[in-house]
Structures are given as structure tokens and as C-alpha cells.
Amino acid sequence: DWSKIELSNGVLGYVKSKHLSSEKPVETTVASNTTHWKYERQGLKIEINKYKEYLEGGNVVYWVAEIKSDNINKDINTALAGGSYSASVKTKQRTSTLAKSNNAILAINGDSSGFRPPSHAFHNPVMIRNGKVEYDLIVGKSIGKMGALTNQGRLVIFDPKDYSSTQQMLDEGFTDTWWFDVALVINGQVQNIYDGNQTKYKAPYSAIGQRADGTMLFI
């Protein structure tokens, strides 16, 4: 297993175990963009690209959906397994099932709200879905960062412990909240979230983000 390093003077080197070599090793490469989908109607444009890359000793497949909408808050909605918050805690449904029942053009799986038992420190973070409060804020509870979509179509990162009530969030225009514990990028800055303890387990993940021009990203 080789790793490529770039020195400060622009010189490239290749590392294997504890040895350096000036010879470039044979690299395994996979075509990056293999599949593309596109959907468009007045006021909404969706483009999805499927990528395959060779990372950390194995092939990683992921999809990136770019969503451009004249009305983000209208076009992006959340759905709950079983049709309600109370039902979703005990109900498991495939994303495809939820998509079909809600006439969705594009759907991704959700966050971890309600996923943990009551004894867990991260159980039941504040939940607002489609403008409705499903679970109230527990004032002062530290559960890490959360994301919120506002009625102006902006995606924001916030910390629940900075709020004194759910109403304060509603007053700021929060229409949907999602719990994910950490943020990967805030205001264009990559966050250092691993501190040398990056997990090596393979597992499916979803991420949402937003560019400065308002384009939403589902990954």
C-alpha cells in the first residue's frame, strides 16, 4: 500500500511502510464519474452524479445530488417512517418506500433523531419537521451540532445548548432540524472532527450541505 506525499517545495514522494522511493508505484484507478441523472422542471433542477474512487485500500461508491430550486423551503421536505414521529421511533422503512408514499423526486435516508434509547446521552434531540415541533428542546442539553433549514431556504449549523426554547428557533425561521453530532464544513471551512481517531469501519452515510449560491447538496 503506497501513499503519495507532496513536500512544501512541490516535490512528490511515495511512501511504503517506513521507506521512501523516488519511483512512482503502479496505482489502482477507477473511473470517477460513471453515471449521471438529471431532472428539470420550472423552478427546480436536480443533477445526480455517481462516483467511484479508490480510497483507503478499497473502492468507495457515492452519489452527489445538486439541487437548484427557486423555492428551497417548498421543494425540500421531510418524511417520517410510519407517517408520524411517534410511529417513526419504532418503525423501519426503506428510503424507496418513503419516497414513493410521499411522491418524492429524490430521497435520502434521514438522521439519528429518535434512534437511540431514552438512557442514551443523545436521545431525542429537538426535532422540527416541516414547521411542526415534534420534540421540544431540552434546555442546556449538550448533544453536539445540529443542522436546520430556515424559511428563507438557508441551511444553518447550530448548537441546541445556545437556545433557551424551541420557540426561539421558530422565531429564527427554523422549519426543519436534523441531528448529526458533527459538522464537516462550516462557512467554507473544513472542520477537524477526527483528531486522529477516524473510524475505519465501512458503513453507509448521508450528508447534506449548501453552497453559497443556495444550491443544496445531498451526498
C-alpha atoms as a PDB file:
ATOM      1  CA  ASP A   1       0.000   0.000   0.000  1.00  0.00           C
ATOM      2  CA  TRP A   2       1.591   3.201  -1.209  1.00  0.00           C
ATOM      3  CA  SER A   3       0.812   6.768  -0.176  1.00  0.00           C
ATOM      4  CA  LYS A   4       1.748   9.838  -2.156  1.00  0.00           C
ATOM      5  CA  ILE A   5       3.136  12.872  -0.313  1.00  0.00           C
ATOM      6  CA  GLU A   6       3.770  16.378  -1.575  1.00  0.00           C
ATOM      7  CA  LEU A   7       6.564  18.328   0.080  1.00  0.00           C
ATOM      8  CA  SER A   8       6.420  22.077   0.673  1.00  0.00           C
ATOM      9  CA  ASN A   9       8.666  22.742  -2.344  1.00  0.00           C
ATOM     10  CA  GLY A  10       6.275  20.883  -4.647  1.00  0.00           C
ATOM     11  CA  VAL A  11       8.369  17.714  -4.882  1.00  0.00           C
ATOM     12  CA  LEU A  12       6.348  14.493  -4.845  1.00  0.00           C
ATOM     13  CA  GLY A  13       7.396  11.438  -2.875  1.00  0.00           C
ATOM     14  CA  TYR A  14       5.973   7.965  -2.363  1.00  0.00           C
ATOM     15  CA  VAL A  15       5.874   6.133   0.933  1.00  0.00           C
ATOM     16  CA  LYS A  16       5.651   2.403   1.572  1.00  0.00           C
ATOM     17  CA  SER A  17       5.882   1.262   5.171  1.00  0.00           C
ATOM     18  CA  LYS A  18       8.808   3.246   6.569  1.00  0.00           C
ATOM     19  CA  HIS A  19      10.677   3.638   3.285  1.00  0.00           C
ATOM     20  CA  LEU A  20      10.783   6.413   0.710  1.00  0.00           C
ATOM     21  CA  SER A  21      11.114   5.844  -3.010  1.00  0.00           C
ATOM     22  CA  SER A  22      11.622   8.174  -5.952  1.00  0.00           C
ATOM     23  CA  GLU A  23       9.878   5.685  -8.242  1.00  0.00           C
ATOM     24  CA  LYS A  24       6.146   6.039  -8.721  1.00  0.00           C
ATOM     25  CA  PRO A  25       4.335   2.775  -7.917  1.00  0.00           C
ATOM     26  CA  VAL A  26       1.594   1.239 -10.025  1.00  0.00           C
ATOM     27  CA  GLU A  27      -1.676   2.774  -8.830  1.00  0.00           C
ATOM     28  CA  THR A  28      -5.147   1.302  -8.910  1.00  0.00           C
ATOM     29  CA  THR A  29      -7.548   3.716 -10.572  1.00  0.00           C
ATOM     30  CA  VAL A  30     -11.291   3.635 -11.110  1.00  0.00           C
ATOM     31  CA  ALA A  31     -13.245   5.907 -13.443  1.00  0.00           C
ATOM     32  CA  SER A  32     -14.644   8.712 -11.299  1.00  0.00           C
ATOM     33  CA  ASN A  33     -17.941   9.597 -12.982  1.00  0.00           C
ATOM     34  CA  THR A  34     -19.794   6.527 -14.153  1.00  0.00           C
ATOM     35  CA  THR A  35     -23.463   7.504 -14.090  1.00  0.00           C
ATOM     36  CA  HIS A  36     -25.477  10.693 -14.398  1.00  0.00           C
ATOM     37  CA  TRP A  37     -29.149  11.527 -13.843  1.00  0.00           C
ATOM     38  CA  LYS A  38     -30.968  14.772 -14.474  1.00  0.00           C
ATOM     39  CA  TYR A  39     -34.426  16.131 -13.659  1.00  0.00           C
ATOM     40  CA  GLU A  40     -35.732  19.561 -14.526  1.00  0.00           C
ATOM     41  CA  ARG A  41     -38.969  21.493 -14.340  1.00  0.00           C
ATOM     42  CA  GLN A  42     -39.748  25.167 -13.963  1.00  0.00           C
ATOM     43  CA  GLY A  43     -38.079  26.421 -10.780  1.00  0.00           C
ATOM     44  CA  LEU A  44     -36.294  23.141  -9.990  1.00  0.00           C
ATOM     45  CA  LYS A  45     -33.221  21.420 -11.389  1.00  0.00           C
ATOM     46  CA  ILE A  46     -31.662  18.244  -9.992  1.00  0.00           C
ATOM     47  CA  GLU A  47     -28.440  16.631 -11.182  1.00  0.00           C
ATOM     48  CA  ILE A  48     -27.067  13.421  -9.687  1.00  0.00           C
ATOM     49  CA  ASN A  49     -23.639  12.013 -10.357  1.00  0.00           C
ATOM     50  CA  LYS A  50     -22.411   8.615  -9.228  1.00  0.00           C
ATOM     51  CA  TYR A  51     -18.727   8.405  -8.358  1.00  0.00           C
ATOM     52  CA  LYS A  52     -16.384   5.523  -7.667  1.00  0.00           C
ATOM     53  CA  GLU A  53     -12.983   6.154  -6.128  1.00  0.00           C
ATOM     54  CA  TYR A  54     -10.182   4.068  -4.696  1.00  0.00           C
ATOM     55  CA  LEU A  55      -9.783   5.229  -1.091  1.00  0.00           C
ATOM     56  CA  GLU A  56      -8.145   3.689   1.963  1.00  0.00           C
ATOM     57  CA  GLY A  57      -7.472   0.379   0.282  1.00  0.00           C
ATOM     58  CA  GLY A  58     -10.874  -0.169  -1.268  1.00  0.00           C
ATOM     59  CA  ASN A  59     -13.429   1.094  -3.758  1.00  0.00           C
ATOM     60  CA  VAL A  60     -15.846   3.690  -2.396  1.00  0.00           C
ATOM     61  CA  VAL A  61     -19.064   4.424  -4.272  1.00  0.00           C
ATOM     62  CA  TYR A  62     -21.045   7.583  -3.578  1.00  0.00           C
ATOM     63  CA  TRP A  63     -23.639   9.817  -5.174  1.00  0.00           C
ATOM     64  CA  VAL A  64     -23.771  13.622  -5.202  1.00  0.00           C
ATOM     65  CA  ALA A  65     -27.089  15.331  -5.901  1.00  0.00           C
ATOM     66  CA  GLU A  66     -27.113  19.047  -6.694  1.00  0.00           C
ATOM     67  CA  ILE A  67     -30.495  20.682  -6.193  1.00  0.00           C
ATOM     68  CA  LYS A  68     -31.187  24.151  -7.539  1.00  0.00           C
ATOM     69  CA  SER A  69     -34.603  25.496  -6.617  1.00  0.00           C
ATOM     70  CA  ASP A  70     -36.364  28.843  -6.755  1.00  0.00           C
ATOM     71  CA  ASN A  71     -38.115  27.815  -3.533  1.00  0.00           C
ATOM     72  CA  ILE A  72     -35.896  25.522  -1.445  1.00  0.00           C
ATOM     73  CA  ASN A  73     -38.274  25.537   1.504  1.00  0.00           C
ATOM     74  CA  LYS A  74     -41.140  24.311  -0.654  1.00  0.00           C
ATOM     75  CA  ASP A  75     -39.197  21.729  -2.639  1.00  0.00           C
ATOM     76  CA  ILE A  76     -37.296  20.122   0.254  1.00  0.00           C
ATOM     77  CA  ASN A  77     -39.454  18.299   2.773  1.00  0.00           C
ATOM     78  CA  THR A  78     -39.010  15.664   5.459  1.00  0.00           C
ATOM     79  CA  ALA A  79     -40.955  12.447   5.873  1.00  0.00           C
ATOM     80  CA  LEU A  80     -41.281  10.157   8.880  1.00  0.00           C
ATOM     81  CA  ALA A  81     -41.395   6.370   8.825  1.00  0.00           C
ATOM     82  CA  GLY A  82     -44.914   5.279   9.651  1.00  0.00           C
ATOM     83  CA  GLY A  83     -46.235   8.762   8.928  1.00  0.00           C
ATOM     84  CA  SER A  84     -45.606  10.344  12.345  1.00  0.00           C
ATOM     85  CA  TYR A  85     -42.849  10.945  14.866  1.00  0.00           C
ATOM     86  CA  SER A  86     -44.317   8.553  17.418  1.00  0.00           C
ATOM     87  CA  ALA A  87     -44.563   5.831  14.776  1.00  0.00           C
ATOM     88  CA  SER A  88     -41.089   6.504  13.378  1.00  0.00           C
ATOM     89  CA  VAL A  89     -39.356   5.643  16.665  1.00  0.00           C
ATOM     90  CA  LYS A  90     -40.455   2.004  16.282  1.00  0.00           C
ATOM     91  CA  THR A  91     -40.902   1.798  12.512  1.00  0.00           C
ATOM     92  CA  LYS A  92     -38.294   0.992   9.905  1.00  0.00           C
ATOM     93  CA  GLN A  93     -38.980   1.741   6.253  1.00  0.00           C
ATOM     94  CA  ARG A  94     -36.782   1.738   3.201  1.00  0.00           C
ATOM     95  CA  THR A  95     -35.998   5.120   1.721  1.00  0.00           C
ATOM     96  CA  SER A  96     -37.592   3.962  -1.538  1.00  0.00           C
ATOM     97  CA  THR A  97     -40.847   3.185   0.313  1.00  0.00           C
ATOM     98  CA  LEU A  98     -40.922   6.616   1.933  1.00  0.00           C
ATOM     99  CA  ALA A  99     -40.132   8.251  -1.394  1.00  0.00           C
ATOM    100  CA  LYS A 100     -42.969   6.501  -3.182  1.00  0.00           C
ATOM    101  CA  SER A 101     -45.540   7.213  -0.469  1.00  0.00           C
ATOM    102  CA  ASN A 102     -44.614  10.910  -0.480  1.00  0.00           C
ATOM    103  CA  ASN A 103     -44.328  11.325  -4.268  1.00  0.00           C
ATOM    104  CA  ALA A 104     -40.691  12.374  -3.948  1.00  0.00           C
ATOM    105  CA  ILE A 105     -38.494  13.045  -6.956  1.00  0.00           C
ATOM    106  CA  LEU A 106     -35.351  12.411  -4.919  1.00  0.00           C
ATOM    107  CA  ALA A 107     -34.985  10.999  -1.407  1.00  0.00           C
ATOM    108  CA  ILE A 108     -32.171  10.242   1.039  1.00  0.00           C
ATOM    109  CA  ASN A 109     -32.246   8.463   4.380  1.00  0.00           C
ATOM    110  CA  GLY A 110     -32.550  10.612   7.475  1.00  0.00           C
ATOM    111  CA  ASP A 111     -30.684  11.497  10.629  1.00  0.00           C
ATOM    112  CA  SER A 112     -30.420   9.819  14.019  1.00  0.00           C
ATOM    113  CA  SER A 113     -33.189  11.701  15.822  1.00  0.00           C
ATOM    114  CA  GLY A 114     -35.174   9.259  17.944  1.00  0.00           C
ATOM    115  CA  PHE A 115     -32.774   6.475  17.034  1.00  0.00           C
ATOM    116  CA  ARG A 116     -31.275   5.984  20.492  1.00  0.00           C
ATOM    117  CA  PRO A 117     -32.850   4.623  23.698  1.00  0.00           C
ATOM    118  CA  PRO A 118     -34.006   7.027  26.455  1.00  0.00           C
ATOM    119  CA  SER A 119     -30.956   6.133  28.555  1.00  0.00           C
ATOM    120  CA  HIS A 120     -28.590   7.409  25.853  1.00  0.00           C
ATOM    121  CA  ALA A 121     -26.999  10.840  26.272  1.00  0.00           C
ATOM    122  CA  PHE A 122     -28.025  11.811  22.723  1.00  0.00           C
ATOM    123  CA  HIS A 123     -31.626  10.589  22.970  1.00  0.00           C
ATOM    124  CA  ASN A 124     -34.327  12.808  21.458  1.00  0.00           C
ATOM    125  CA  PRO A 125     -32.645  15.998  20.244  1.00  0.00           C
ATOM    126  CA  VAL A 126     -35.032  18.849  19.449  1.00  0.00           C
ATOM    127  CA  MET A 127     -36.985  17.974  16.316  1.00  0.00           C
ATOM    128  CA  ILE A 128     -38.820  20.349  13.994  1.00  0.00           C
ATOM    129  CA  ARG A 129     -40.147  18.803  10.794  1.00  0.00           C
ATOM    130  CA  ASN A 130     -41.943  20.745   8.056  1.00  0.00           C
ATOM    131  CA  GLY A 131     -42.537  23.579  10.526  1.00  0.00           C
ATOM    132  CA  LYS A 132     -44.071  21.340  13.205  1.00  0.00           C
ATOM    133  CA  VAL A 133     -42.409  20.781  16.579  1.00  0.00           C
ATOM    134  CA  GLU A 134     -42.191  17.019  17.072  1.00  0.00           C
ATOM    135  CA  TYR A 135     -39.939  17.066  20.133  1.00  0.00           C
ATOM    136  CA  ASP A 136     -39.188  20.090  22.329  1.00  0.00           C
ATOM    137  CA  LEU A 137     -35.764  21.405  23.167  1.00  0.00           C
ATOM    138  CA  ILE A 138     -34.286  20.131  26.423  1.00  0.00           C
ATOM    139  CA  VAL A 139     -32.684  23.349  27.647  1.00  0.00           C
ATOM    140  CA  GLY A 140     -28.976  23.094  28.376  1.00  0.00           C
ATOM    141  CA  LYS A 141     -28.590  19.576  26.982  1.00  0.00           C
ATOM    142  CA  SER A 142     -25.347  19.187  25.052  1.00  0.00           C
ATOM    143  CA  ILE A 143     -25.756  16.861  22.063  1.00  0.00           C
ATOM    144  CA  GLY A 144     -23.315  18.401  19.593  1.00  0.00           C
ATOM    145  CA  LYS A 145     -24.048  20.316  16.418  1.00  0.00           C
ATOM    146  CA  MET A 146     -27.346  20.197  14.531  1.00  0.00           C
ATOM    147  CA  GLY A 147     -28.481  21.442  11.154  1.00  0.00           C
ATOM    148  CA  ALA A 148     -31.568  23.476  10.333  1.00  0.00           C
ATOM    149  CA  LEU A 149     -33.364  24.648   7.214  1.00  0.00           C
ATOM    150  CA  THR A 150     -34.904  28.104   7.512  1.00  0.00           C
ATOM    151  CA  ASN A 151     -37.992  29.584   5.908  1.00  0.00           C
ATOM    152  CA  GLN A 152     -35.607  31.586   3.715  1.00  0.00           C
ATOM    153  CA  GLY A 153     -34.168  28.391   2.265  1.00  0.00           C
ATOM    154  CA  ARG A 154     -30.843  28.596   4.082  1.00  0.00           C
ATOM    155  CA  LEU A 155     -29.054  25.691   5.729  1.00  0.00           C
ATOM    156  CA  VAL A 156     -27.522  26.663   9.079  1.00  0.00           C
ATOM    157  CA  ILE A 157     -25.451  24.869  11.724  1.00  0.00           C
ATOM    158  CA  PHE A 158     -26.392  25.462  15.349  1.00  0.00           C
ATOM    159  CA  ASP A 159     -25.803  24.128  18.860  1.00  0.00           C
ATOM    160  CA  PRO A 160     -29.025  23.436  20.807  1.00  0.00           C
ATOM    161  CA  LYS A 161     -27.416  24.433  24.118  1.00  0.00           C
ATOM    162  CA  ASP A 162     -27.216  28.008  22.812  1.00  0.00           C
ATOM    163  CA  TYR A 163     -31.031  28.244  22.757  1.00  0.00           C
ATOM    164  CA  SER A 164     -33.416  28.789  25.631  1.00  0.00           C
ATOM    165  CA  SER A 165     -36.540  27.390  23.940  1.00  0.00           C
ATOM    166  CA  THR A 166     -37.874  25.769  20.792  1.00  0.00           C
ATOM    167  CA  GLN A 167     -39.881  28.933  20.175  1.00  0.00           C
ATOM    168  CA  GLN A 168     -36.639  30.850  19.822  1.00  0.00           C
ATOM    169  CA  MET A 169     -35.724  28.548  16.946  1.00  0.00           C
ATOM    170  CA  LEU A 170     -39.117  29.019  15.324  1.00  0.00           C
ATOM    171  CA  ASP A 171     -38.697  32.788  15.680  1.00  0.00           C
ATOM    172  CA  GLU A 172     -35.425  32.471  13.748  1.00  0.00           C
ATOM    173  CA  GLY A 173     -37.285  30.739  10.953  1.00  0.00           C
ATOM    174  CA  PHE A 174     -36.288  27.120  11.559  1.00  0.00           C
ATOM    175  CA  THR A 175     -38.632  24.824   9.639  1.00  0.00           C
ATOM    176  CA  ASP A 176     -36.641  21.573   9.860  1.00  0.00           C
ATOM    177  CA  THR A 177     -33.878  20.366  12.161  1.00  0.00           C
ATOM    178  CA  TRP A 178     -31.552  17.381  11.855  1.00  0.00           C
ATOM    179  CA  TRP A 179     -29.200  15.832  14.366  1.00  0.00           C
ATOM    180  CA  PHE A 180     -25.788  14.560  13.270  1.00  0.00           C
ATOM    181  CA  ASP A 181     -23.403  15.445  16.132  1.00  0.00           C
ATOM    182  CA  VAL A 182     -20.634  16.906  13.944  1.00  0.00           C
ATOM    183  CA  ALA A 183     -20.379  19.292  11.009  1.00  0.00           C
ATOM    184  CA  LEU A 184     -17.941  18.578   8.185  1.00  0.00           C
ATOM    185  CA  VAL A 185     -17.818  22.116   6.760  1.00  0.00           C
ATOM    186  CA  ILE A 186     -18.917  25.407   8.351  1.00  0.00           C
ATOM    187  CA  ASN A 187     -18.863  28.624   6.313  1.00  0.00           C
ATOM    188  CA  GLY A 188     -16.490  27.075   3.798  1.00  0.00           C
ATOM    189  CA  GLN A 189     -14.026  25.827   6.408  1.00  0.00           C
ATOM    190  CA  VAL A 190     -13.306  22.096   6.734  1.00  0.00           C
ATOM    191  CA  GLN A 191     -13.749  21.023  10.351  1.00  0.00           C
ATOM    192  CA  ASN A 192     -11.230  18.843  12.180  1.00  0.00           C
ATOM    193  CA  ILE A 193     -13.602  16.273  13.646  1.00  0.00           C
ATOM    194  CA  TYR A 194     -11.450  13.167  13.872  1.00  0.00           C
ATOM    195  CA  ASP A 195      -8.369  14.188  15.885  1.00  0.00           C
ATOM    196  CA  GLY A 196      -6.578  11.034  14.809  1.00  0.00           C
ATOM    197  CA  ASN A 197      -9.461   8.729  15.718  1.00  0.00           C
ATOM    198  CA  GLN A 198     -11.105   8.355  12.329  1.00  0.00           C
ATOM    199  CA  THR A 199     -13.237   5.241  12.177  1.00  0.00           C
ATOM    200  CA  LYS A 200     -12.193   2.638   9.634  1.00  0.00           C
ATOM    201  CA  TYR A 201     -15.478   0.763   9.548  1.00  0.00           C
ATOM    202  CA  LYS A 202     -17.304   0.725   6.244  1.00  0.00           C
ATOM    203  CA  ALA A 203     -20.857   1.993   6.587  1.00  0.00           C
ATOM    204  CA  PRO A 204     -23.352   3.975   4.510  1.00  0.00           C
ATOM    205  CA  TYR A 205     -23.644   7.640   5.419  1.00  0.00           C
ATOM    206  CA  SER A 206     -25.604  10.611   4.163  1.00  0.00           C
ATOM    207  CA  ALA A 207     -24.658  14.277   4.239  1.00  0.00           C
ATOM    208  CA  ILE A 208     -26.460  17.481   3.357  1.00  0.00           C
ATOM    209  CA  GLY A 209     -24.911  20.812   2.568  1.00  0.00           C
ATOM    210  CA  GLN A 210     -25.423  24.088   0.787  1.00  0.00           C
ATOM    211  CA  ARG A 211     -23.263  26.213  -1.454  1.00  0.00           C
ATOM    212  CA  ALA A 212     -23.080  29.983  -1.079  1.00  0.00           C
ATOM    213  CA  ASP A 213     -25.392  30.388  -4.100  1.00  0.00           C
ATOM    214  CA  GLY A 214     -28.113  28.377  -2.363  1.00  0.00           C
ATOM    215  CA  THR A 215     -27.586  25.093  -4.245  1.00  0.00           C
ATOM    216  CA  MET A 216     -28.358  22.182  -1.937  1.00  0.00           C
ATOM    217  CA  LEU A 217     -26.156  19.097  -1.896  1.00  0.00           C
ATOM    218  CA  PHE A 218     -27.242  15.609  -0.919  1.00  0.00           C
ATOM    219  CA  ILE A 219     -24.332  13.160  -0.657  1.00  0.00           C
END
